[in-house]
Amino acid sequence: MKIQSGDTVKVISGADRGHVGKVVSVDNEKRKVMIEGVNMVYKHVKPSQRNPQGGRLHKEMPIPVSNVMAVCPRTNQPTRIGFRYLPDGSKERFAKVSGEGMGIVSPPKKRYATK
């Protein structure tokens, strides 16, 4: 998946459209992401040893990755993410809007290095 933990993303559809936040976790199997402060729900909790008072907890729930776009670090605009190989053969993610690198994905490999 092109979105990773720690990325800044913008919600493009759903009830929280327009919110910008940081990705807390990514579930690759379900193709969902959790973003801090987005898709907040109340969870009703019975009193227990751990939580003697009980009550309502306010927590974040995951949203589909198709509902978010990464934010370009240079322009602060929503952007698609691509992959490219650097001259040393390492693979990196980059923002398609500005061409800004967004981090190395894999270590250098000889077969992709330019001579």
N, C-alpha and C. Protein backbone atom coordinates (compact mmCIF):
# COMPACT_ATOMS: atom_id res chain seq x y z
N MET A 1 0.84 -1.17 0.00
CA MET A 1 0.00 0.00 0.00
C MET A 1 0.89 1.24 0.00
N LYS A 2 0.46 2.27 -0.67
CA LYS A 2 1.30 3.46 -0.84
C LYS A 2 1.28 4.39 0.37
N ILE A 3 0.23 4.32 1.19
CA ILE A 3 0.15 5.13 2.41
C ILE A 3 0.84 4.35 3.53
N GLN A 4 1.66 5.04 4.32
CA GLN A 4 2.38 4.40 5.41
C GLN A 4 2.11 5.15 6.72
N SER A 5 2.41 4.50 7.83
CA SER A 5 2.26 5.15 9.14
C SER A 5 3.15 6.37 9.21
N GLY A 6 2.63 7.44 9.77
CA GLY A 6 3.40 8.67 9.91
C GLY A 6 3.16 9.66 8.78
N ASP A 7 2.52 9.23 7.67
CA ASP A 7 2.22 10.14 6.57
C ASP A 7 1.12 11.12 6.99
N THR A 8 1.16 12.31 6.42
CA THR A 8 0.08 13.26 6.58
C THR A 8 -0.88 13.07 5.42
N VAL A 9 -2.16 12.89 5.72
CA VAL A 9 -3.15 12.64 4.68
C VAL A 9 -4.34 13.57 4.83
N LYS A 10 -5.10 13.71 3.74
CA LYS A 10 -6.33 14.50 3.74
C LYS A 10 -7.47 13.57 3.38
N VAL A 11 -8.58 13.65 4.14
CA VAL A 11 -9.75 12.82 3.87
C VAL A 11 -10.51 13.45 2.71
N ILE A 12 -10.77 12.66 1.65
CA ILE A 12 -11.40 13.21 0.45
C ILE A 12 -12.86 12.82 0.31
N SER A 13 -13.34 11.87 1.12
CA SER A 13 -14.76 11.54 1.06
C SER A 13 -15.22 10.99 2.40
N GLY A 14 -16.51 11.07 2.62
CA GLY A 14 -17.09 10.59 3.87
C GLY A 14 -17.46 11.74 4.78
N ALA A 15 -17.87 11.42 5.99
CA ALA A 15 -18.36 12.41 6.94
C ALA A 15 -17.26 13.39 7.37
N ASP A 16 -16.01 12.96 7.38
CA ASP A 16 -14.90 13.80 7.82
C ASP A 16 -14.14 14.42 6.66
N ARG A 17 -14.80 14.61 5.52
CA ARG A 17 -14.13 15.15 4.33
C ARG A 17 -13.49 16.50 4.65
N GLY A 18 -12.24 16.65 4.18
CA GLY A 18 -11.52 17.90 4.38
C GLY A 18 -10.57 17.89 5.56
N HIS A 19 -10.73 16.96 6.49
CA HIS A 19 -9.83 16.90 7.64
C HIS A 19 -8.45 16.42 7.22
N VAL A 20 -7.43 16.99 7.83
CA VAL A 20 -6.05 16.60 7.59
C VAL A 20 -5.50 16.03 8.88
N GLY A 21 -4.82 14.90 8.80
CA GLY A 21 -4.27 14.29 10.01
C GLY A 21 -3.14 13.35 9.68
N LYS A 22 -2.53 12.84 10.73
CA LYS A 22 -1.40 11.94 10.61
C LYS A 22 -1.88 10.49 10.73
N VAL A 23 -1.34 9.60 9.90
CA VAL A 23 -1.73 8.19 9.92
C VAL A 23 -1.12 7.54 11.16
N VAL A 24 -1.99 6.93 11.98
CA VAL A 24 -1.55 6.26 13.19
C VAL A 24 -1.16 4.81 12.89
N SER A 25 -2.02 4.11 12.14
CA SER A 25 -1.71 2.73 11.79
C SER A 25 -2.34 2.38 10.45
N VAL A 26 -1.80 1.32 9.83
CA VAL A 26 -2.27 0.86 8.52
C VAL A 26 -2.57 -0.63 8.63
N ASP A 27 -3.76 -1.05 8.13
CA ASP A 27 -4.12 -2.45 8.07
C ASP A 27 -4.12 -2.86 6.60
N ASN A 28 -3.06 -3.54 6.16
CA ASN A 28 -2.90 -3.91 4.75
C ASN A 28 -3.95 -4.92 4.29
N GLU A 29 -4.32 -5.87 5.15
CA GLU A 29 -5.28 -6.90 4.75
C GLU A 29 -6.66 -6.31 4.50
N LYS A 30 -7.12 -5.43 5.37
CA LYS A 30 -8.45 -4.82 5.23
C LYS A 30 -8.41 -3.54 4.41
N ARG A 31 -7.20 -3.07 4.05
CA ARG A 31 -7.01 -1.83 3.29
C ARG A 31 -7.66 -0.64 3.99
N LYS A 32 -7.36 -0.50 5.28
CA LYS A 32 -7.90 0.60 6.07
C LYS A 32 -6.77 1.30 6.80
N VAL A 33 -6.98 2.59 7.12
CA VAL A 33 -6.01 3.37 7.87
C VAL A 33 -6.71 4.06 9.03
N MET A 34 -5.95 4.25 10.11
CA MET A 34 -6.46 5.03 11.25
C MET A 34 -5.73 6.36 11.26
N ILE A 35 -6.49 7.44 11.32
CA ILE A 35 -5.94 8.79 11.30
C ILE A 35 -6.33 9.47 12.60
N GLU A 36 -5.36 10.15 13.22
CA GLU A 36 -5.66 10.77 14.51
C GLU A 36 -6.69 11.90 14.35
N GLY A 37 -7.74 11.81 15.16
CA GLY A 37 -8.78 12.83 15.16
C GLY A 37 -9.84 12.68 14.09
N VAL A 38 -9.82 11.58 13.32
CA VAL A 38 -10.79 11.39 12.23
C VAL A 38 -11.61 10.13 12.52
N ASN A 39 -12.90 10.18 12.17
CA ASN A 39 -13.84 9.08 12.36
C ASN A 39 -13.95 8.69 13.83
N MET A 40 -14.18 9.69 14.68
CA MET A 40 -14.31 9.46 16.12
C MET A 40 -15.70 8.90 16.43
N VAL A 41 -15.75 7.87 17.28
CA VAL A 41 -17.01 7.25 17.69
C VAL A 41 -17.02 7.10 19.21
N TYR A 42 -18.21 6.93 19.76
CA TYR A 42 -18.34 6.63 21.18
C TYR A 42 -18.45 5.14 21.37
N LYS A 43 -17.68 4.60 22.31
CA LYS A 43 -17.76 3.19 22.66
C LYS A 43 -18.26 3.13 24.09
N HIS A 44 -19.39 2.47 24.29
CA HIS A 44 -19.98 2.36 25.62
C HIS A 44 -19.32 1.21 26.37
N VAL A 45 -18.82 1.49 27.58
CA VAL A 45 -18.04 0.52 28.33
C VAL A 45 -18.71 0.25 29.67
N LYS A 46 -18.89 -1.04 29.98
CA LYS A 46 -19.44 -1.41 31.28
C LYS A 46 -18.37 -1.21 32.35
N PRO A 47 -18.76 -0.92 33.58
CA PRO A 47 -17.77 -0.83 34.65
C PRO A 47 -17.04 -2.17 34.81
N SER A 48 -15.72 -2.09 34.98
CA SER A 48 -14.92 -3.30 35.15
C SER A 48 -13.74 -2.98 36.07
N GLN A 49 -12.90 -3.97 36.30
CA GLN A 49 -11.72 -3.77 37.14
C GLN A 49 -10.81 -2.70 36.54
N ARG A 50 -10.63 -2.76 35.24
CA ARG A 50 -9.75 -1.82 34.55
C ARG A 50 -10.36 -0.43 34.48
N ASN A 51 -11.66 -0.36 34.25
CA ASN A 51 -12.36 0.91 34.12
C ASN A 51 -13.53 0.92 35.09
N PRO A 52 -13.30 1.24 36.39
CA PRO A 52 -14.35 1.11 37.41
C PRO A 52 -15.54 2.04 37.18
N GLN A 53 -15.33 3.17 36.53
CA GLN A 53 -16.42 4.11 36.31
C GLN A 53 -17.33 3.68 35.16
N GLY A 54 -16.76 3.05 34.12
CA GLY A 54 -17.55 2.73 32.94
C GLY A 54 -17.80 4.01 32.14
N GLY A 55 -18.85 4.03 31.33
CA GLY A 55 -19.21 5.24 30.61
C GLY A 55 -18.93 5.14 29.12
N ARG A 56 -18.67 6.30 28.50
CA ARG A 56 -18.47 6.37 27.05
C ARG A 56 -17.03 6.77 26.75
N LEU A 57 -16.35 5.97 25.94
CA LEU A 57 -15.01 6.30 25.48
C LEU A 57 -15.10 6.90 24.09
N HIS A 58 -14.31 7.91 23.82
CA HIS A 58 -14.26 8.54 22.50
C HIS A 58 -13.02 8.00 21.81
N LYS A 59 -13.18 7.25 20.72
CA LYS A 59 -12.02 6.65 20.08
C LYS A 59 -12.11 6.75 18.57
N GLU A 60 -10.94 6.60 17.90
CA GLU A 60 -10.86 6.65 16.44
C GLU A 60 -11.13 5.27 15.88
N MET A 61 -11.76 5.25 14.70
CA MET A 61 -11.99 4.00 13.99
C MET A 61 -11.34 4.10 12.61
N PRO A 62 -10.97 2.96 12.02
CA PRO A 62 -10.31 2.99 10.72
C PRO A 62 -11.26 3.40 9.59
N ILE A 63 -10.69 3.99 8.53
CA ILE A 63 -11.45 4.32 7.33
C ILE A 63 -10.74 3.71 6.13
N PRO A 64 -11.46 3.47 5.05
CA PRO A 64 -10.83 2.87 3.86
C PRO A 64 -9.73 3.78 3.29
N VAL A 65 -8.67 3.17 2.81
CA VAL A 65 -7.54 3.92 2.27
C VAL A 65 -7.93 4.67 1.00
N SER A 66 -8.98 4.22 0.32
CA SER A 66 -9.43 4.91 -0.89
C SER A 66 -10.07 6.27 -0.58
N ASN A 67 -10.39 6.52 0.69
CA ASN A 67 -11.01 7.79 1.08
C ASN A 67 -9.99 8.84 1.50
N VAL A 68 -8.69 8.55 1.39
CA VAL A 68 -7.67 9.52 1.79
C VAL A 68 -6.66 9.72 0.67
N MET A 69 -6.03 10.89 0.67
CA MET A 69 -4.92 11.19 -0.24
C MET A 69 -3.76 11.72 0.58
N ALA A 70 -2.57 11.34 0.20
CA ALA A 70 -1.38 11.84 0.88
C ALA A 70 -1.21 13.32 0.58
N VAL A 71 -0.60 14.04 1.52
CA VAL A 71 -0.34 15.47 1.34
C VAL A 71 1.14 15.64 1.00
N CYS A 72 1.40 16.40 -0.07
CA CYS A 72 2.77 16.65 -0.53
C CYS A 72 3.52 17.46 0.53
N PRO A 73 4.74 17.04 0.91
CA PRO A 73 5.49 17.77 1.93
C PRO A 73 5.93 19.16 1.47
N ARG A 74 6.08 19.37 0.18
CA ARG A 74 6.55 20.67 -0.32
C ARG A 74 5.41 21.66 -0.52
N THR A 75 4.31 21.22 -1.15
CA THR A 75 3.24 22.14 -1.53
C THR A 75 2.04 22.11 -0.60
N ASN A 76 1.97 21.13 0.31
CA ASN A 76 0.82 20.94 1.20
C ASN A 76 -0.49 20.74 0.44
N GLN A 77 -0.42 20.15 -0.74
CA GLN A 77 -1.59 19.83 -1.56
C GLN A 77 -1.78 18.31 -1.57
N PRO A 78 -3.02 17.83 -1.67
CA PRO A 78 -3.21 16.39 -1.81
C PRO A 78 -2.57 15.91 -3.11
N THR A 79 -1.97 14.73 -3.06
CA THR A 79 -1.25 14.22 -4.22
C THR A 79 -1.34 12.70 -4.27
N ARG A 80 -1.12 12.17 -5.47
CA ARG A 80 -0.96 10.73 -5.60
C ARG A 80 0.50 10.41 -5.29
N ILE A 81 0.76 9.15 -5.00
CA ILE A 81 2.11 8.71 -4.67
C ILE A 81 2.58 7.74 -5.73
N GLY A 82 3.83 7.90 -6.17
CA GLY A 82 4.44 6.99 -7.13
C GLY A 82 5.71 6.40 -6.55
N PHE A 83 6.25 5.44 -7.25
CA PHE A 83 7.53 4.83 -6.88
C PHE A 83 8.53 5.06 -8.00
N ARG A 84 9.79 5.25 -7.63
CA ARG A 84 10.85 5.39 -8.64
C ARG A 84 12.14 4.85 -8.05
N TYR A 85 13.07 4.53 -8.97
CA TYR A 85 14.38 4.07 -8.55
C TYR A 85 15.37 5.22 -8.65
N LEU A 86 16.19 5.37 -7.63
CA LEU A 86 17.22 6.40 -7.61
C LEU A 86 18.46 5.89 -8.34
N PRO A 87 19.39 6.76 -8.68
CA PRO A 87 20.59 6.31 -9.41
C PRO A 87 21.39 5.22 -8.70
N ASP A 88 21.34 5.15 -7.38
CA ASP A 88 22.08 4.10 -6.67
C ASP A 88 21.32 2.78 -6.63
N GLY A 89 20.09 2.73 -7.17
CA GLY A 89 19.32 1.49 -7.23
C GLY A 89 18.32 1.32 -6.10
N SER A 90 18.22 2.29 -5.18
CA SER A 90 17.23 2.18 -4.12
C SER A 90 15.89 2.71 -4.60
N LYS A 91 14.82 2.18 -4.02
CA LYS A 91 13.46 2.53 -4.43
C LYS A 91 12.88 3.52 -3.42
N GLU A 92 12.23 4.58 -3.94
CA GLU A 92 11.63 5.57 -3.05
C GLU A 92 10.22 5.91 -3.48
N ARG A 93 9.43 6.40 -2.52
CA ARG A 93 8.11 6.94 -2.82
C ARG A 93 8.28 8.42 -3.13
N PHE A 94 7.44 8.96 -4.04
CA PHE A 94 7.52 10.38 -4.33
C PHE A 94 6.13 10.94 -4.60
N ALA A 95 5.97 12.24 -4.35
CA ALA A 95 4.71 12.93 -4.59
C ALA A 95 4.64 13.29 -6.06
N LYS A 96 3.55 12.91 -6.73
CA LYS A 96 3.45 13.16 -8.16
C LYS A 96 3.23 14.63 -8.48
N VAL A 97 2.71 15.41 -7.53
CA VAL A 97 2.47 16.83 -7.78
C VAL A 97 3.78 17.59 -7.96
N SER A 98 4.73 17.36 -7.04
CA SER A 98 5.95 18.15 -7.06
C SER A 98 7.21 17.35 -7.35
N GLY A 99 7.13 16.03 -7.30
CA GLY A 99 8.31 15.21 -7.49
C GLY A 99 9.15 15.06 -6.23
N GLU A 100 8.65 15.57 -5.11
CA GLU A 100 9.36 15.53 -3.83
C GLU A 100 9.42 14.09 -3.32
N GLY A 101 10.60 13.66 -2.85
CA GLY A 101 10.76 12.33 -2.29
C GLY A 101 10.06 12.22 -0.95
N MET A 102 9.49 11.04 -0.69
CA MET A 102 8.75 10.82 0.56
C MET A 102 9.32 9.65 1.36
N GLY A 103 10.56 9.28 1.08
CA GLY A 103 11.20 8.23 1.87
C GLY A 103 11.58 7.01 1.05
N ILE A 104 12.66 6.39 1.47
CA ILE A 104 13.19 5.19 0.81
C ILE A 104 12.32 3.99 1.21
N VAL A 105 11.99 3.14 0.23
CA VAL A 105 11.16 1.97 0.47
C VAL A 105 12.02 0.72 0.59
N SER A 106 13.03 0.59 -0.29
CA SER A 106 13.89 -0.59 -0.24
C SER A 106 15.35 -0.19 -0.43
N PRO A 107 16.26 -1.01 0.06
CA PRO A 107 17.69 -0.70 -0.06
C PRO A 107 18.16 -0.80 -1.51
N PRO A 108 19.36 -0.30 -1.80
CA PRO A 108 19.87 -0.33 -3.18
C PRO A 108 20.00 -1.75 -3.72
N LYS A 109 19.66 -1.89 -5.02
CA LYS A 109 19.83 -3.16 -5.73
C LYS A 109 20.63 -2.87 -6.99
N LYS A 110 21.62 -3.71 -7.25
CA LYS A 110 22.52 -3.48 -8.39
C LYS A 110 21.80 -3.42 -9.71
N ARG A 111 20.79 -4.27 -9.90
CA ARG A 111 20.15 -4.34 -11.21
C ARG A 111 19.39 -3.08 -11.59
N TYR A 112 19.00 -2.25 -10.60
CA TYR A 112 18.28 -1.00 -10.89
C TYR A 112 19.16 0.23 -10.86
N ALA A 113 20.43 0.06 -10.54
CA ALA A 113 21.35 1.19 -10.51
C ALA A 113 21.69 1.61 -11.94
N THR A 114 21.76 2.92 -12.15
CA THR A 114 22.16 3.42 -13.47
C THR A 114 23.68 3.42 -13.55
N LYS A 115 24.18 3.07 -14.71
CA LYS A 115 25.65 2.91 -14.85
C LYS A 115 26.33 4.18 -15.22
